[in-house]
């Protein structure tokens, strides 16, 4: 049986990576809007994706406020594509 990537199989992480695959740099507030996640939960899941090497995180300041942006890495794109292939195989769609 096909085993799905446990990093990407979690709902919020999958939402994050799915959105980032088709974007350049995306800021934290946009990810909150898109995922409807709490700031704390989103922050934890971004850290997990970053630790896995699937996304890159850039932190800076806009005025006096912290500004966080994320983008998917090549490894993240590859893992996402593999995840979709595995999911299709699991569902007998290929």
N, C-alpha and C. Protein backbone atom coordinates (compact mmCIF):
# COMPACT_ATOMS: atom_id res chain seq x y z
N UNK A 1 0.84 -1.19 0.00
CA UNK A 1 0.00 0.00 0.00
C UNK A 1 0.88 1.25 0.00
N UNK A 2 0.46 2.25 -0.74
CA UNK A 2 1.19 3.50 -0.83
C UNK A 2 1.10 4.26 0.49
N UNK A 3 2.24 4.72 0.97
CA UNK A 3 2.27 5.50 2.21
C UNK A 3 2.44 6.97 1.84
N UNK A 4 1.51 7.78 2.32
CA UNK A 4 1.55 9.21 2.03
C UNK A 4 2.54 9.92 2.95
N UNK A 5 3.17 10.96 2.43
CA UNK A 5 4.13 11.76 3.18
C UNK A 5 3.44 12.34 4.43
N UNK A 6 3.89 11.96 5.64
CA UNK A 6 3.22 12.41 6.86
C UNK A 6 3.36 13.92 7.11
N UNK A 7 4.40 14.53 6.57
CA UNK A 7 4.55 15.98 6.73
C UNK A 7 3.45 16.70 5.95
N UNK A 8 3.24 16.28 4.72
CA UNK A 8 2.26 16.94 3.86
C UNK A 8 0.83 16.48 4.09
N UNK A 9 0.65 15.33 4.69
CA UNK A 9 -0.69 14.77 4.83
C UNK A 9 -1.52 15.48 5.90
N UNK A 10 -0.90 16.25 6.76
CA UNK A 10 -1.64 17.01 7.77
C UNK A 10 -2.38 18.15 7.05
N UNK A 11 -3.63 18.36 7.40
CA UNK A 11 -4.51 19.26 6.65
C UNK A 11 -3.97 20.68 6.48
N UNK A 12 -3.53 21.31 7.55
CA UNK A 12 -3.07 22.69 7.44
C UNK A 12 -1.77 22.79 6.66
N UNK A 13 -0.84 21.86 6.89
CA UNK A 13 0.42 21.89 6.13
C UNK A 13 0.14 21.67 4.64
N UNK A 14 -0.79 20.80 4.32
CA UNK A 14 -1.16 20.57 2.92
C UNK A 14 -1.77 21.82 2.31
N UNK A 15 -2.59 22.53 3.07
CA UNK A 15 -3.18 23.79 2.59
C UNK A 15 -2.10 24.83 2.32
N UNK A 16 -1.14 24.92 3.22
CA UNK A 16 -0.06 25.90 3.07
C UNK A 16 0.74 25.60 1.82
N UNK A 17 1.21 24.38 1.70
CA UNK A 17 2.07 24.03 0.57
C UNK A 17 1.31 24.10 -0.75
N UNK A 18 0.02 23.73 -0.74
CA UNK A 18 -0.81 23.82 -1.95
C UNK A 18 -0.91 25.26 -2.45
N UNK A 19 -1.04 26.18 -1.52
CA UNK A 19 -1.14 27.60 -1.89
C UNK A 19 0.21 28.12 -2.37
N UNK A 20 1.26 27.76 -1.67
CA UNK A 20 2.59 28.29 -2.00
C UNK A 20 3.14 27.76 -3.32
N UNK A 21 2.72 26.58 -3.73
CA UNK A 21 3.24 25.99 -4.97
C UNK A 21 2.97 26.90 -6.17
N UNK A 22 1.89 27.63 -6.15
CA UNK A 22 1.51 28.49 -7.28
C UNK A 22 1.75 29.96 -7.02
N UNK A 23 2.64 30.27 -6.08
CA UNK A 23 2.87 31.67 -5.72
C UNK A 23 4.37 31.92 -5.56
N UNK A 24 4.74 33.18 -5.51
CA UNK A 24 6.11 33.55 -5.16
C UNK A 24 6.15 33.67 -3.64
N UNK A 25 6.64 34.76 -3.13
CA UNK A 25 6.65 34.99 -1.69
C UNK A 25 5.24 35.36 -1.24
N UNK A 26 4.77 34.75 -0.16
CA UNK A 26 3.44 35.02 0.39
C UNK A 26 3.61 35.41 1.85
N UNK A 27 2.95 36.50 2.25
CA UNK A 27 3.12 36.91 3.64
C UNK A 27 2.19 36.16 4.58
N UNK A 28 2.56 36.20 5.84
CA UNK A 28 1.89 35.44 6.90
C UNK A 28 0.40 35.76 6.97
N UNK A 29 0.05 37.04 6.85
CA UNK A 29 -1.35 37.44 6.95
C UNK A 29 -2.17 36.87 5.79
N UNK A 30 -1.59 36.76 4.61
CA UNK A 30 -2.29 36.16 3.47
C UNK A 30 -2.53 34.67 3.75
N UNK A 31 -1.54 34.00 4.34
CA UNK A 31 -1.72 32.59 4.67
C UNK A 31 -2.80 32.39 5.73
N UNK A 32 -2.91 33.31 6.67
CA UNK A 32 -4.00 33.24 7.65
C UNK A 32 -5.33 33.37 6.94
N UNK A 33 -5.42 34.32 6.02
CA UNK A 33 -6.65 34.54 5.26
C UNK A 33 -7.04 33.30 4.45
N UNK A 34 -6.06 32.72 3.77
CA UNK A 34 -6.32 31.59 2.88
C UNK A 34 -6.66 30.32 3.67
N UNK A 35 -5.93 30.08 4.75
CA UNK A 35 -6.10 28.83 5.50
C UNK A 35 -7.13 28.91 6.62
N UNK A 36 -7.46 30.12 7.04
CA UNK A 36 -8.39 30.33 8.16
C UNK A 36 -7.83 29.74 9.46
N UNK A 37 -6.52 29.64 9.57
CA UNK A 37 -5.86 29.09 10.76
C UNK A 37 -5.59 30.20 11.76
N UNK A 38 -5.40 29.81 13.02
CA UNK A 38 -4.99 30.78 14.03
C UNK A 38 -3.52 31.12 13.80
N UNK A 39 -3.09 32.26 14.30
CA UNK A 39 -1.69 32.66 14.13
C UNK A 39 -0.74 31.63 14.74
N UNK A 40 -1.08 31.15 15.93
CA UNK A 40 -0.22 30.19 16.61
C UNK A 40 -0.10 28.88 15.86
N UNK A 41 -1.22 28.33 15.42
CA UNK A 41 -1.20 27.06 14.69
C UNK A 41 -0.47 27.22 13.35
N UNK A 42 -0.74 28.30 12.65
CA UNK A 42 -0.07 28.54 11.38
C UNK A 42 1.44 28.64 11.58
N UNK A 43 1.85 29.34 12.60
CA UNK A 43 3.27 29.50 12.90
C UNK A 43 3.95 28.16 13.16
N UNK A 44 3.30 27.29 13.93
CA UNK A 44 3.84 25.96 14.22
C UNK A 44 3.98 25.14 12.94
N UNK A 45 2.96 25.16 12.10
CA UNK A 45 2.97 24.35 10.88
C UNK A 45 3.99 24.89 9.86
N UNK A 46 4.16 26.20 9.81
CA UNK A 46 5.18 26.78 8.95
C UNK A 46 6.56 26.32 9.41
N UNK A 47 6.79 26.30 10.71
CA UNK A 47 8.07 25.83 11.25
C UNK A 47 8.33 24.38 10.86
N UNK A 48 7.32 23.54 10.92
CA UNK A 48 7.48 22.13 10.56
C UNK A 48 7.83 21.99 9.08
N UNK A 49 7.17 22.76 8.24
CA UNK A 49 7.48 22.71 6.80
C UNK A 49 8.88 23.25 6.53
N UNK A 50 9.28 24.27 7.27
CA UNK A 50 10.62 24.84 7.11
C UNK A 50 11.68 23.83 7.57
N UNK A 51 11.46 23.18 8.70
CA UNK A 51 12.40 22.17 9.21
C UNK A 51 12.56 21.02 8.22
N UNK A 52 11.49 20.68 7.52
CA UNK A 52 11.55 19.60 6.53
C UNK A 52 12.23 20.05 5.24
N UNK A 53 12.46 21.36 5.10
CA UNK A 53 13.10 21.88 3.90
C UNK A 53 12.12 22.13 2.76
N UNK A 54 10.83 22.13 3.06
CA UNK A 54 9.80 22.29 2.02
C UNK A 54 9.47 23.74 1.73
N UNK A 55 9.72 24.63 2.69
CA UNK A 55 9.49 26.05 2.46
C UNK A 55 10.66 26.86 3.00
N UNK A 56 10.79 28.06 2.48
CA UNK A 56 11.78 29.03 2.95
C UNK A 56 11.02 30.15 3.63
N UNK A 57 11.54 30.63 4.75
CA UNK A 57 10.87 31.68 5.50
C UNK A 57 11.82 32.88 5.59
N UNK A 58 11.28 34.05 5.31
CA UNK A 58 12.05 35.30 5.38
C UNK A 58 11.35 36.21 6.39
N UNK A 59 12.10 36.64 7.40
CA UNK A 59 11.55 37.52 8.43
C UNK A 59 12.21 38.89 8.33
N UNK A 60 11.38 39.92 8.41
CA UNK A 60 11.88 41.29 8.34
C UNK A 60 10.93 42.18 9.14
N UNK A 61 11.09 43.48 9.01
CA UNK A 61 10.18 44.42 9.66
C UNK A 61 9.61 45.35 8.62
N UNK A 62 8.32 45.66 8.77
CA UNK A 62 7.67 46.71 7.98
C UNK A 62 7.31 47.77 9.00
N UNK A 63 8.04 48.87 8.96
CA UNK A 63 7.89 49.86 10.01
C UNK A 63 8.38 49.24 11.31
N UNK A 64 7.55 49.25 12.33
CA UNK A 64 7.92 48.66 13.61
C UNK A 64 7.33 47.27 13.80
N UNK A 65 6.74 46.71 12.77
CA UNK A 65 6.04 45.44 12.90
C UNK A 65 6.79 44.31 12.19
N UNK A 66 6.83 43.13 12.82
CA UNK A 66 7.46 41.98 12.16
C UNK A 66 6.68 41.60 10.90
N UNK A 67 7.41 41.16 9.91
CA UNK A 67 6.81 40.76 8.64
C UNK A 67 7.44 39.44 8.21
N UNK A 68 6.61 38.40 8.08
CA UNK A 68 7.08 37.07 7.71
C UNK A 68 6.54 36.71 6.34
N UNK A 69 7.43 36.21 5.48
CA UNK A 69 7.04 35.76 4.16
C UNK A 69 7.55 34.34 3.95
N UNK A 70 6.81 33.57 3.16
CA UNK A 70 7.18 32.18 2.88
C UNK A 70 7.10 31.91 1.39
N UNK A 71 7.92 30.95 0.97
CA UNK A 71 7.81 30.44 -0.40
C UNK A 71 8.22 28.98 -0.39
N UNK A 72 7.72 28.24 -1.36
CA UNK A 72 8.03 26.82 -1.45
C UNK A 72 9.42 26.66 -2.06
N UNK A 73 10.16 25.66 -1.60
CA UNK A 73 11.47 25.34 -2.16
C UNK A 73 11.31 24.32 -3.29
N UNK A 74 12.39 24.08 -4.01
CA UNK A 74 12.35 23.04 -5.04
C UNK A 74 12.04 21.68 -4.43
N UNK A 75 12.63 21.42 -3.26
CA UNK A 75 12.36 20.15 -2.56
C UNK A 75 10.89 20.06 -2.19
N UNK A 76 10.31 21.19 -1.75
CA UNK A 76 8.89 21.22 -1.41
C UNK A 76 8.00 20.94 -2.61
N UNK A 77 8.36 21.53 -3.75
CA UNK A 77 7.59 21.28 -4.98
C UNK A 77 7.66 19.81 -5.36
N UNK A 78 8.86 19.24 -5.28
CA UNK A 78 9.03 17.82 -5.62
C UNK A 78 8.23 16.93 -4.69
N UNK A 79 8.29 17.20 -3.40
CA UNK A 79 7.55 16.39 -2.43
C UNK A 79 6.04 16.53 -2.64
N UNK A 80 5.58 17.73 -2.97
CA UNK A 80 4.16 17.95 -3.22
C UNK A 80 3.72 17.17 -4.46
N UNK A 81 4.53 17.21 -5.52
CA UNK A 81 4.20 16.45 -6.73
C UNK A 81 4.18 14.95 -6.44
N UNK A 82 5.15 14.47 -5.67
CA UNK A 82 5.17 13.05 -5.29
C UNK A 82 3.96 12.69 -4.44
N UNK A 83 3.58 13.58 -3.55
CA UNK A 83 2.40 13.36 -2.71
C UNK A 83 1.16 13.18 -3.58
N UNK A 84 1.00 14.04 -4.58
CA UNK A 84 -0.17 13.95 -5.47
C UNK A 84 -0.16 12.64 -6.26
N UNK A 85 1.01 12.22 -6.71
CA UNK A 85 1.13 10.95 -7.42
C UNK A 85 0.73 9.79 -6.51
N UNK A 86 1.25 9.81 -5.28
CA UNK A 86 0.94 8.75 -4.32
C UNK A 86 -0.55 8.73 -3.97
N UNK A 87 -1.14 9.89 -3.84
CA UNK A 87 -2.57 9.98 -3.52
C UNK A 87 -3.40 9.41 -4.67
N UNK A 88 -3.04 9.74 -5.90
CA UNK A 88 -3.75 9.20 -7.06
C UNK A 88 -3.62 7.68 -7.12
N UNK A 89 -2.43 7.16 -6.82
CA UNK A 89 -2.23 5.71 -6.81
C UNK A 89 -3.07 5.07 -5.72
N UNK A 90 -3.11 5.68 -4.56
CA UNK A 90 -3.89 5.16 -3.45
C UNK A 90 -5.38 5.11 -3.79
N UNK A 91 -5.84 6.09 -4.54
CA UNK A 91 -7.26 6.17 -4.93
C UNK A 91 -7.54 5.47 -6.25
N UNK A 92 -6.52 4.81 -6.79
CA UNK A 92 -6.63 4.11 -8.08
C UNK A 92 -7.07 5.04 -9.21
N UNK A 93 -6.51 6.23 -9.23
CA UNK A 93 -6.83 7.19 -10.28
C UNK A 93 -5.83 7.17 -11.41
N UNK A 94 -4.77 6.39 -11.28
CA UNK A 94 -3.76 6.29 -12.34
C UNK A 94 -3.70 4.90 -12.85
